[in-house]
């Protein structure tokens, strides 16, 4: 996000605390499989930086380290970054394991 810009309103009203992380993940949108960088993660969602522009409402399947693919919906998009909300929140212990690289 450019200096001076504010986060989209959706991201200002988070359901859970986000954690900074820099990890590559695979994701699938329709039949396309790509790799993205995770910039932050919480129990309820994830912020991705990818090579394609995702649109609000897109459904993606994320392959997080050590976990089965997880369905998420894009709730905001700004150029090549997107905020996605998980259909089912991560358990806090799983989030800690991802952040501290104990799984994957």
PDB file of N, CA and C in Angstrom:
ATOM      1  N   UNK A   1       0.852  -1.170   0.000  1.00  0.00           N
ATOM      2  CA  UNK A   1       0.000   0.000   0.000  1.00  0.00           C
ATOM      3  C   UNK A   1       0.898   1.233   0.000  1.00  0.00           C
ATOM      4  N   UNK A   2       0.587   2.217  -0.793  1.00  0.00           N
ATOM      5  CA  UNK A   2       1.404   3.410  -0.917  1.00  0.00           C
ATOM      6  C   UNK A   2       1.377   4.232   0.367  1.00  0.00           C
ATOM      7  N   UNK A   3       2.457   4.964   0.612  1.00  0.00           N
ATOM      8  CA  UNK A   3       2.532   5.817   1.791  1.00  0.00           C
ATOM      9  C   UNK A   3       1.380   6.812   1.780  1.00  0.00           C
ATOM     10  N   UNK A   4       0.796   6.999   2.924  1.00  0.00           N
ATOM     11  CA  UNK A   4      -0.301   7.947   3.036  1.00  0.00           C
ATOM     12  C   UNK A   4      -1.674   7.358   2.778  1.00  0.00           C
ATOM     13  N   UNK A   5      -1.737   6.163   2.183  1.00  0.00           N
ATOM     14  CA  UNK A   5      -3.028   5.527   1.943  1.00  0.00           C
ATOM     15  C   UNK A   5      -3.495   4.847   3.214  1.00  0.00           C
ATOM     16  N   UNK A   6      -4.779   4.816   3.420  1.00  0.00           N
ATOM     17  CA  UNK A   6      -5.319   4.087   4.564  1.00  0.00           C
ATOM     18  C   UNK A   6      -5.768   2.721   4.104  1.00  0.00           C
ATOM     19  N   UNK A   7      -5.845   1.805   5.042  1.00  0.00           N
ATOM     20  CA  UNK A   7      -6.302   0.463   4.708  1.00  0.00           C
ATOM     21  C   UNK A   7      -7.781   0.501   4.360  1.00  0.00           C
ATOM     22  N   UNK A   8      -8.209  -0.400   3.482  1.00  0.00           N
ATOM     23  CA  UNK A   8      -9.635  -0.466   3.184  1.00  0.00           C
ATOM     24  C   UNK A   8     -10.431  -0.676   4.471  1.00  0.00           C
ATOM     25  N   UNK A   9     -11.636  -0.145   4.518  1.00  0.00           N
ATOM     26  CA  UNK A   9     -12.475  -0.206   5.714  1.00  0.00           C
ATOM     27  C   UNK A   9     -12.646  -1.633   6.228  1.00  0.00           C
ATOM     28  N   UNK A  10     -12.768  -2.584   5.324  1.00  0.00           N
ATOM     29  CA  UNK A  10     -12.938  -3.981   5.732  1.00  0.00           C
ATOM     30  C   UNK A  10     -11.774  -4.407   6.608  1.00  0.00           C
ATOM     31  N   UNK A  11     -10.550  -4.012   6.240  1.00  0.00           N
ATOM     32  CA  UNK A  11      -9.381  -4.433   6.993  1.00  0.00           C
ATOM     33  C   UNK A  11      -9.257  -3.683   8.312  1.00  0.00           C
ATOM     34  N   UNK A  12      -9.878  -2.525   8.439  1.00  0.00           N
ATOM     35  CA  UNK A  12      -9.842  -1.789   9.690  1.00  0.00           C
ATOM     36  C   UNK A  12     -10.756  -2.427  10.726  1.00  0.00           C
ATOM     37  N   UNK A  13     -11.695  -3.228  10.290  1.00  0.00           N
ATOM     38  CA  UNK A  13     -12.665  -3.868  11.183  1.00  0.00           C
ATOM     39  C   UNK A  13     -12.381  -5.365  11.278  1.00  0.00           C
ATOM     40  N   UNK A  14     -11.155  -5.716  11.573  1.00  0.00           N
ATOM     41  CA  UNK A  14     -10.742  -7.122  11.634  1.00  0.00           C
ATOM     42  C   UNK A  14     -11.435  -7.870  12.755  1.00  0.00           C
ATOM     43  N   UNK A  15     -11.639  -9.162  12.518  1.00  0.00           N
ATOM     44  CA  UNK A  15     -12.211 -10.032  13.533  1.00  0.00           C
ATOM     45  C   UNK A  15     -11.159 -10.544  14.498  1.00  0.00           C
ATOM     46  N   UNK A  16      -9.896 -10.578  14.051  1.00  0.00           N
ATOM     47  CA  UNK A  16      -8.812 -11.060  14.911  1.00  0.00           C
ATOM     48  C   UNK A  16      -7.513 -10.357  14.540  1.00  0.00           C
ATOM     49  N   UNK A  17      -6.571 -10.364  15.471  1.00  0.00           N
ATOM     50  CA  UNK A  17      -5.291  -9.697  15.284  1.00  0.00           C
ATOM     51  C   UNK A  17      -4.504 -10.322  14.136  1.00  0.00           C
ATOM     52  N   UNK A  18      -3.940  -9.483  13.295  1.00  0.00           N
ATOM     53  CA  UNK A  18      -3.135 -10.010  12.196  1.00  0.00           C
ATOM     54  C   UNK A  18      -1.684 -10.132  12.648  1.00  0.00           C
ATOM     55  N   UNK A  19      -0.975 -11.071  12.025  1.00  0.00           N
ATOM     56  CA  UNK A  19       0.428 -11.320  12.338  1.00  0.00           C
ATOM     57  C   UNK A  19       1.226 -11.182  11.060  1.00  0.00           C
ATOM     58  N   UNK A  20       2.300 -10.419  11.107  1.00  0.00           N
ATOM     59  CA  UNK A  20       3.185 -10.252   9.944  1.00  0.00           C
ATOM     60  C   UNK A  20       3.900 -11.574   9.686  1.00  0.00           C
ATOM     61  N   UNK A  21       3.988 -11.912   8.416  1.00  0.00           N
ATOM     62  CA  UNK A  21       4.653 -13.144   8.012  1.00  0.00           C
ATOM     63  C   UNK A  21       5.069 -12.980   6.555  1.00  0.00           C
ATOM     64  N   UNK A  22       6.106 -13.653   6.171  1.00  0.00           N
ATOM     65  CA  UNK A  22       6.543 -13.635   4.768  1.00  0.00           C
ATOM     66  C   UNK A  22       6.766 -15.083   4.355  1.00  0.00           C
ATOM     67  N   UNK A  23       5.765 -15.664   3.735  1.00  0.00           N
ATOM     68  CA  UNK A  23       5.847 -17.058   3.318  1.00  0.00           C
ATOM     69  C   UNK A  23       5.146 -17.209   1.971  1.00  0.00           C
ATOM     70  N   UNK A  24       5.690 -18.069   1.140  1.00  0.00           N
ATOM     71  CA  UNK A  24       5.066 -18.352  -0.158  1.00  0.00           C
ATOM     72  C   UNK A  24       3.992 -19.420   0.040  1.00  0.00           C
ATOM     73  N   UNK A  25       2.880 -19.245  -0.638  1.00  0.00           N
ATOM     74  CA  UNK A  25       1.805 -20.238  -0.624  1.00  0.00           C
ATOM     75  C   UNK A  25       1.332 -20.465  -2.047  1.00  0.00           C
ATOM     76  N   UNK A  26       0.727 -21.609  -2.258  1.00  0.00           N
ATOM     77  CA  UNK A  26       0.076 -21.886  -3.531  1.00  0.00           C
ATOM     78  C   UNK A  26      -1.403 -21.607  -3.352  1.00  0.00           C
ATOM     79  N   UNK A  27      -2.020 -21.139  -4.423  1.00  0.00           N
ATOM     80  CA  UNK A  27      -3.470 -20.956  -4.383  1.00  0.00           C
ATOM     81  C   UNK A  27      -4.051 -21.313  -5.739  1.00  0.00           C
ATOM     82  N   UNK A  28      -5.335 -21.616  -5.696  1.00  0.00           N
ATOM     83  CA  UNK A  28      -6.045 -21.971  -6.918  1.00  0.00           C
ATOM     84  C   UNK A  28      -7.275 -21.093  -7.016  1.00  0.00           C
ATOM     85  N   UNK A  29      -7.488 -20.553  -8.194  1.00  0.00           N
ATOM     86  CA  UNK A  29      -8.688 -19.774  -8.496  1.00  0.00           C
ATOM     87  C   UNK A  29      -9.254 -20.370  -9.768  1.00  0.00           C
ATOM     88  N   UNK A  30     -10.446 -20.922  -9.669  1.00  0.00           N
ATOM     89  CA  UNK A  30     -11.040 -21.697 -10.760  1.00  0.00           C
ATOM     90  C   UNK A  30     -10.083 -22.838 -11.080  1.00  0.00           C
ATOM     91  N   UNK A  31      -9.493 -22.867 -12.271  1.00  0.00           N
ATOM     92  CA  UNK A  31      -8.561 -23.959 -12.586  1.00  0.00           C
ATOM     93  C   UNK A  31      -7.105 -23.500 -12.583  1.00  0.00           C
ATOM     94  N   UNK A  32      -6.878 -22.218 -12.387  1.00  0.00           N
ATOM     95  CA  UNK A  32      -5.529 -21.657 -12.415  1.00  0.00           C
ATOM     96  C   UNK A  32      -4.851 -21.861 -11.052  1.00  0.00           C
ATOM     97  N   UNK A  33      -3.630 -22.389 -11.081  1.00  0.00           N
ATOM     98  CA  UNK A  33      -2.836 -22.565  -9.856  1.00  0.00           C
ATOM     99  C   UNK A  33      -1.646 -21.615  -9.907  1.00  0.00           C
ATOM    100  N   UNK A  34      -1.474 -20.843  -8.845  1.00  0.00           N
ATOM    101  CA  UNK A  34      -0.410 -19.844  -8.797  1.00  0.00           C
ATOM    102  C   UNK A  34       0.266 -19.837  -7.432  1.00  0.00           C
ATOM    103  N   UNK A  35       1.355 -19.076  -7.352  1.00  0.00           N
ATOM    104  CA  UNK A  35       2.064 -18.885  -6.089  1.00  0.00           C
ATOM    105  C   UNK A  35       1.898 -17.428  -5.686  1.00  0.00           C
ATOM    106  N   UNK A  36       1.743 -17.204  -4.374  1.00  0.00           N
ATOM    107  CA  UNK A  36       1.603 -15.845  -3.852  1.00  0.00           C
ATOM    108  C   UNK A  36       2.436 -15.711  -2.584  1.00  0.00           C
ATOM    109  N   UNK A  37       2.690 -14.478  -2.218  1.00  0.00           N
ATOM    110  CA  UNK A  37       3.390 -14.162  -0.977  1.00  0.00           C
ATOM    111  C   UNK A  37       2.343 -13.773   0.066  1.00  0.00           C
ATOM    112  N   UNK A  38       2.416 -14.379   1.237  1.00  0.00           N
ATOM    113  CA  UNK A  38       1.542 -13.984   2.345  1.00  0.00           C
ATOM    114  C   UNK A  38       2.258 -12.872   3.095  1.00  0.00           C
ATOM    115  N   UNK A  39       1.606 -11.726   3.242  1.00  0.00           N
ATOM    116  CA  UNK A  39       2.191 -10.596   3.963  1.00  0.00           C
ATOM    117  C   UNK A  39       1.733 -10.526   5.411  1.00  0.00           C
ATOM    118  N   UNK A  40       0.527 -10.971   5.667  1.00  0.00           N
ATOM    119  CA  UNK A  40       0.075 -11.122   7.039  1.00  0.00           C
ATOM    120  C   UNK A  40      -1.064 -12.130   7.079  1.00  0.00           C
ATOM    121  N   UNK A  41      -1.311 -12.618   8.284  1.00  0.00           N
ATOM    122  CA  UNK A  41      -2.301 -13.671   8.468  1.00  0.00           C
ATOM    123  C   UNK A  41      -2.941 -13.499   9.837  1.00  0.00           C
ATOM    124  N   UNK A  42      -4.191 -13.905   9.940  1.00  0.00           N
ATOM    125  CA  UNK A  42      -4.893 -13.947  11.220  1.00  0.00           C
ATOM    126  C   UNK A  42      -5.723 -15.220  11.227  1.00  0.00           C
ATOM    127  N   UNK A  43      -6.392 -15.466  12.317  1.00  0.00           N
ATOM    128  CA  UNK A  43      -7.258 -16.650  12.376  1.00  0.00           C
ATOM    129  C   UNK A  43      -8.365 -16.576  11.337  1.00  0.00           C
ATOM    130  N   UNK A  44      -8.770 -15.362  10.957  1.00  0.00           N
ATOM    131  CA  UNK A  44      -9.916 -15.188  10.060  1.00  0.00           C
ATOM    132  C   UNK A  44      -9.568 -14.878   8.611  1.00  0.00           C
ATOM    133  N   UNK A  45      -8.292 -14.568   8.325  1.00  0.00           N
ATOM    134  CA  UNK A  45      -7.989 -14.222   6.946  1.00  0.00           C
ATOM    135  C   UNK A  45      -6.519 -14.047   6.678  1.00  0.00           C
ATOM    136  N   UNK A  46      -6.241 -13.600   5.464  1.00  0.00           N
ATOM    137  CA  UNK A  46      -4.874 -13.540   4.970  1.00  0.00           C
ATOM    138  C   UNK A  46      -4.759 -12.408   3.960  1.00  0.00           C
ATOM    139  N   UNK A  47      -3.578 -11.779   3.897  1.00  0.00           N
ATOM    140  CA  UNK A  47      -3.318 -10.771   2.870  1.00  0.00           C
ATOM    141  C   UNK A  47      -2.277 -11.338   1.922  1.00  0.00           C
ATOM    142  N   UNK A  48      -2.626 -11.399   0.650  1.00  0.00           N
ATOM    143  CA  UNK A  48      -1.765 -11.984  -0.377  1.00  0.00           C
ATOM    144  C   UNK A  48      -1.223 -10.922  -1.313  1.00  0.00           C
ATOM    145  N   UNK A  49      -0.007 -11.150  -1.777  1.00  0.00           N
ATOM    146  CA  UNK A  49       0.551 -10.386  -2.897  1.00  0.00           C
ATOM    147  C   UNK A  49       0.797 -11.408  -3.995  1.00  0.00           C
ATOM    148  N   UNK A  50       0.161 -11.215  -5.141  1.00  0.00           N
ATOM    149  CA  UNK A  50       0.256 -12.210  -6.215  1.00  0.00           C
ATOM    150  C   UNK A  50       0.604 -11.556  -7.545  1.00  0.00           C
ATOM    151  N   UNK A  51       0.815 -12.395  -8.534  1.00  0.00           N
ATOM    152  CA  UNK A  51       1.153 -11.922  -9.872  1.00  0.00           C
ATOM    153  C   UNK A  51      -0.091 -11.572 -10.689  1.00  0.00           C
ATOM    154  N   UNK A  52      -1.254 -11.846 -10.153  1.00  0.00           N
ATOM    155  CA  UNK A  52      -2.493 -11.508 -10.854  1.00  0.00           C
ATOM    156  C   UNK A  52      -3.348 -10.628  -9.960  1.00  0.00           C
ATOM    157  N   UNK A  53      -4.256  -9.926 -10.585  1.00  0.00           N
ATOM    158  CA  UNK A  53      -5.178  -9.091  -9.831  1.00  0.00           C
ATOM    159  C   UNK A  53      -6.388  -9.920  -9.454  1.00  0.00           C
ATOM    160  N   UNK A  54      -6.584 -10.080  -8.167  1.00  0.00           N
ATOM    161  CA  UNK A  54      -7.787 -10.750  -7.694  1.00  0.00           C
ATOM    162  C   UNK A  54      -8.878  -9.709  -7.525  1.00  0.00           C
ATOM    163  N   UNK A  55     -10.115 -10.127  -7.649  1.00  0.00           N
ATOM    164  CA  UNK A  55     -11.251  -9.215  -7.536  1.00  0.00           C
ATOM    165  C   UNK A  55     -12.091  -9.569  -6.322  1.00  0.00           C
ATOM    166  N   UNK A  56     -12.707  -8.548  -5.747  1.00  0.00           N
ATOM    167  CA  UNK A  56     -13.613  -8.763  -4.623  1.00  0.00           C
ATOM    168  C   UNK A  56     -14.656  -9.800  -5.029  1.00  0.00           C
ATOM    169  N   UNK A  57     -14.843 -10.796  -4.161  1.00  0.00           N
ATOM    170  CA  UNK A  57     -15.803 -11.855  -4.434  1.00  0.00           C
ATOM    171  C   UNK A  57     -15.196 -13.111  -5.027  1.00  0.00           C
ATOM    172  N   UNK A  58     -13.956 -13.028  -5.537  1.00  0.00           N
ATOM    173  CA  UNK A  58     -13.300 -14.228  -6.055  1.00  0.00           C
ATOM    174  C   UNK A  58     -13.150 -15.260  -4.943  1.00  0.00           C
ATOM    175  N   UNK A  59     -13.295 -16.519  -5.303  1.00  0.00           N
ATOM    176  CA  UNK A  59     -13.062 -17.626  -4.381  1.00  0.00           C
ATOM    177  C   UNK A  59     -11.695 -18.200  -4.700  1.00  0.00           C
ATOM    178  N   UNK A  60     -10.866 -18.366  -3.666  1.00  0.00           N
ATOM    179  CA  UNK A  60      -9.549 -18.970  -3.834  1.00  0.00           C
ATOM    180  C   UNK A  60      -9.406 -20.127  -2.849  1.00  0.00           C
ATOM    181  N   UNK A  61      -8.625 -21.110  -3.239  1.00  0.00           N
ATOM    182  CA  UNK A  61      -8.268 -22.234  -2.376  1.00  0.00           C
ATOM    183  C   UNK A  61      -6.796 -22.078  -2.053  1.00  0.00           C
ATOM    184  N   UNK A  62      -6.479 -21.831  -0.780  1.00  0.00           N
ATOM    185  CA  UNK A  62      -5.117 -21.584  -0.335  1.00  0.00           C
ATOM    186  C   UNK A  62      -4.502 -22.837   0.252  1.00  0.00           C
ATOM    187  N   UNK A  63      -3.279 -23.129  -0.147  1.00  0.00           N
ATOM    188  CA  UNK A  63      -2.525 -24.241   0.439  1.00  0.00           C
ATOM    189  C   UNK A  63      -1.512 -23.656   1.412  1.00  0.00           C
ATOM    190  N   UNK A  64      -1.917 -23.545   2.671  1.00  0.00           N
ATOM    191  CA  UNK A  64      -1.037 -23.029   3.711  1.00  0.00           C
ATOM    192  C   UNK A  64      -0.082 -24.133   4.154  1.00  0.00           C
ATOM    193  N   UNK A  65       1.095 -23.767   4.647  1.00  0.00           N
ATOM    194  CA  UNK A  65       2.084 -24.780   5.040  1.00  0.00           C
ATOM    195  C   UNK A  65       1.509 -25.826   5.997  1.00  0.00           C
ATOM    196  N   UNK A  66       1.626 -27.093   5.600  1.00  0.00           N
ATOM    197  CA  UNK A  66       1.224 -28.199   6.453  1.00  0.00           C
ATOM    198  C   UNK A  66      -0.265 -28.447   6.585  1.00  0.00           C
ATOM    199  N   UNK A  67      -1.098 -27.715   5.837  1.00  0.00           N
ATOM    200  CA  UNK A  67      -2.550 -27.851   5.952  1.00  0.00           C
ATOM    201  C   UNK A  67      -3.175 -28.245   4.617  1.00  0.00           C
ATOM    202  N   UNK A  68      -4.346 -28.829   4.702  1.00  0.00           N
ATOM    203  CA  UNK A  68      -5.136 -29.101   3.500  1.00  0.00           C
ATOM    204  C   UNK A  68      -5.564 -27.763   2.893  1.00  0.00           C
ATOM    205  N   UNK A  69      -5.838 -27.715   1.587  1.00  0.00           N
ATOM    206  CA  UNK A  69      -6.306 -26.458   0.987  1.00  0.00           C
ATOM    207  C   UNK A  69      -7.522 -25.902   1.725  1.00  0.00           C
ATOM    208  N   UNK A  70      -7.530 -24.591   1.878  1.00  0.00           N
ATOM    209  CA  UNK A  70      -8.558 -23.894   2.647  1.00  0.00           C
ATOM    210  C   UNK A  70      -9.230 -22.868   1.756  1.00  0.00           C
ATOM    211  N   UNK A  71     -10.564 -22.867   1.761  1.00  0.00           N
ATOM    212  CA  UNK A  71     -11.344 -21.941   0.930  1.00  0.00           C
ATOM    213  C   UNK A  71     -11.398 -20.560   1.577  1.00  0.00           C
ATOM    214  N   UNK A  72     -11.232 -19.531   0.743  1.00  0.00           N
ATOM    215  CA  UNK A  72     -11.316 -18.151   1.215  1.00  0.00           C
ATOM    216  C   UNK A  72     -11.955 -17.295   0.127  1.00  0.00           C
ATOM    217  N   UNK A  73     -12.522 -16.182   0.553  1.00  0.00           N
ATOM    218  CA  UNK A  73     -13.171 -15.231  -0.364  1.00  0.00           C
ATOM    219  C   UNK A  73     -12.395 -13.920  -0.322  1.00  0.00           C
ATOM    220  N   UNK A  74     -12.133 -13.347  -1.485  1.00  0.00           N
ATOM    221  CA  UNK A  74     -11.459 -12.048  -1.562  1.00  0.00           C
ATOM    222  C   UNK A  74     -12.459 -10.979  -1.106  1.00  0.00           C
ATOM    223  N   UNK A  75     -12.089 -10.234  -0.053  1.00  0.00           N
ATOM    224  CA  UNK A  75     -12.982  -9.190   0.466  1.00  0.00           C
ATOM    225  C   UNK A  75     -12.533  -7.792   0.075  1.00  0.00           C
ATOM    226  N   UNK A  76     -11.276  -7.648  -0.320  1.00  0.00           N
ATOM    227  CA  UNK A  76     -10.786  -6.381  -0.883  1.00  0.00           C
ATOM    228  C   UNK A  76      -9.594  -6.663  -1.782  1.00  0.00           C
ATOM    229  N   UNK A  77      -9.363  -5.765  -2.705  1.00  0.00           N
ATOM    230  CA  UNK A  77      -8.253  -5.915  -3.625  1.00  0.00           C
ATOM    231  C   UNK A  77      -7.707  -4.538  -3.977  1.00  0.00           C
ATOM    232  N   UNK A  78      -6.385  -4.435  -4.019  1.00  0.00           N
ATOM    233  CA  UNK A  78      -5.719  -3.190  -4.386  1.00  0.00           C
ATOM    234  C   UNK A  78      -4.503  -3.551  -5.237  1.00  0.00           C
ATOM    235  N   UNK A  79      -4.647  -3.404  -6.532  1.00  0.00           N
ATOM    236  CA  UNK A  79      -3.627  -3.791  -7.501  1.00  0.00           C
ATOM    237  C   UNK A  79      -3.316  -5.270  -7.368  1.00  0.00           C
ATOM    238  N   UNK A  80      -2.127  -5.623  -6.917  1.00  0.00           N
ATOM    239  CA  UNK A  80      -1.741  -7.033  -6.844  1.00  0.00           C
ATOM    240  C   UNK A  80      -1.740  -7.570  -5.413  1.00  0.00           C
ATOM    241  N   UNK A  81      -2.428  -6.871  -4.527  1.00  0.00           N
ATOM    242  CA  UNK A  81      -2.625  -7.346  -3.156  1.00  0.00           C
ATOM    243  C   UNK A  81      -4.104  -7.590  -2.938  1.00  0.00           C
ATOM    244  N   UNK A  82      -4.394  -8.579  -2.090  1.00  0.00           N
ATOM    245  CA  UNK A  82      -5.798  -8.883  -1.809  1.00  0.00           C
ATOM    246  C   UNK A  82      -5.931  -9.394  -0.383  1.00  0.00           C
ATOM    247  N   UNK A  83      -7.021  -9.008   0.249  1.00  0.00           N
ATOM    248  CA  UNK A  83      -7.369  -9.524   1.568  1.00  0.00           C
ATOM    249  C   UNK A  83      -8.437 -10.588   1.393  1.00  0.00           C
ATOM    250  N   UNK A  84      -8.192 -11.753   1.995  1.00  0.00           N
ATOM    251  CA  UNK A  84      -9.103 -12.884   1.852  1.00  0.00           C
ATOM    252  C   UNK A  84      -9.588 -13.334   3.221  1.00  0.00           C
ATOM    253  N   UNK A  85     -10.859 -13.677   3.305  1.00  0.00           N
ATOM    254  CA  UNK A  85     -11.450 -14.163   4.553  1.00  0.00           C
ATOM    255  C   UNK A  85     -11.670 -15.665   4.425  1.00  0.00           C
ATOM    256  N   UNK A  86     -11.146 -16.429   5.409  1.00  0.00           N
ATOM    257  CA  UNK A  86     -11.341 -17.873   5.418  1.00  0.00           C
ATOM    258  C   UNK A  86     -12.804 -18.207   5.673  1.00  0.00           C
ATOM    259  N   UNK A  87     -13.305 -19.251   5.015  1.00  0.00           N
ATOM    260  CA  UNK A  87     -14.649 -19.741   5.322  1.00  0.00           C
ATOM    261  C   UNK A  87     -14.710 -20.246   6.758  1.00  0.00           C
ATOM    262  N   UNK A  88     -13.669 -20.951   7.169  1.00  0.00           N
ATOM    263  CA  UNK A  88     -13.559 -21.488   8.528  1.00  0.00           C
ATOM    264  C   UNK A  88     -12.286 -20.913   9.149  1.00  0.00           C
ATOM    265  N   UNK A  89     -12.395 -20.219  10.280  1.00  0.00           N
ATOM    266  CA  UNK A  89     -11.195 -19.629  10.891  1.00  0.00           C
ATOM    267  C   UNK A  89     -10.157 -20.685  11.279  1.00  0.00           C
ATOM    268  N   UNK A  90      -8.908 -20.263  11.295  1.00  0.00           N
ATOM    269  CA  UNK A  90      -7.827 -21.116  11.783  1.00  0.00           C
ATOM    270  C   UNK A  90      -7.897 -21.187  13.310  1.00  0.00           C
ATOM    271  N   UNK A  91      -7.555 -22.317  13.858  1.00  0.00           N
ATOM    272  CA  UNK A  91      -7.414 -22.426  15.312  1.00  0.00           C
ATOM    273  C   UNK A  91      -6.183 -21.603  15.700  1.00  0.00           C
ATOM    274  N   UNK A  92      -6.214 -20.885  16.823  1.00  0.00           N
ATOM    275  CA  UNK A  92      -5.063 -20.065  17.224  1.00  0.00           C
ATOM    276  C   UNK A  92      -3.746 -20.849  17.304  1.00  0.00           C
ATOM    277  N   UNK A  93      -3.788 -22.113  17.718  1.00  0.00           N
ATOM    278  CA  UNK A  93      -2.563 -22.923  17.787  1.00  0.00           C
ATOM    279  C   UNK A  93      -1.998 -23.190  16.390  1.00  0.00           C
ATOM    280  N   UNK A  94      -2.872 -23.380  15.404  1.00  0.00           N
ATOM    281  CA  UNK A  94      -2.425 -23.581  14.022  1.00  0.00           C
ATOM    282  C   UNK A  94      -1.803 -22.289  13.494  1.00  0.00           C
ATOM    283  N   UNK A  95      -2.431 -21.158  13.786  1.00  0.00           N
ATOM    284  CA  UNK A  95      -1.877 -19.865  13.375  1.00  0.00           C
ATOM    285  C   UNK A  95      -0.480 -19.682  13.970  1.00  0.00           C
ATOM    286  N   UNK A  96      -0.321 -19.952  15.260  1.00  0.00           N
ATOM    287  CA  UNK A  96       0.995 -19.830  15.891  1.00  0.00           C
ATOM    288  C   UNK A  96       2.016 -20.736  15.220  1.00  0.00           C
ATOM    289  N   UNK A  97       1.622 -21.959  14.896  1.00  0.00           N
ATOM    290  CA  UNK A  97       2.535 -22.905  14.245  1.00  0.00           C
ATOM    291  C   UNK A  97       2.969 -22.408  12.873  1.00  0.00           C
ATOM    292  N   UNK A  98       2.047 -21.811  12.118  1.00  0.00           N
ATOM    293  CA  UNK A  98       2.395 -21.257  10.803  1.00  0.00           C
ATOM    294  C   UNK A  98       3.361 -20.083  10.965  1.00  0.00           C
ATOM    295  N   UNK A  99       3.030 -19.180  11.862  1.00  0.00           N
ATOM    296  CA  UNK A  99       3.846 -17.979  12.063  1.00  0.00           C
ATOM    297  C   UNK A  99       5.248 -18.341  12.537  1.00  0.00           C
ATOM    298  N   UNK A 100       5.352 -19.334  13.393  1.00  0.00           N
ATOM    299  CA  UNK A 100       6.654 -19.724  13.931  1.00  0.00           C
ATOM    300  C   UNK A 100       7.298 -20.855  13.147  1.00  0.00           C
ATOM    301  N   UNK A 101       6.729 -21.175  11.975  1.00  0.00           N
ATOM    302  CA  UNK A 101       7.260 -22.176  11.047  1.00  0.00           C
ATOM    303  C   UNK A 101       7.444 -23.553  11.680  1.00  0.00           C
ATOM    304  N   UNK A 102       6.496 -23.936  12.548  1.00  0.00           N
ATOM    305  CA  UNK A 102       6.582 -25.246  13.183  1.00  0.00           C
ATOM    306  C   UNK A 102       5.874 -26.318  12.368  1.00  0.00           C
ATOM    307  N   UNK A 103       5.145 -25.894  11.325  1.00  0.00           N
ATOM    308  CA  UNK A 103       4.533 -26.869  10.418  1.00  0.00           C
ATOM    309  C   UNK A 103       4.900 -26.485   8.997  1.00  0.00           C
ATOM    310  N   UNK A 104       4.798 -27.440   8.110  1.00  0.00           N
ATOM    311  CA  UNK A 104       5.048 -27.131   6.711  1.00  0.00           C
ATOM    312  C   UNK A 104       6.315 -27.735   6.262  1.00  0.00           C
TER     313      UNK A 104
END
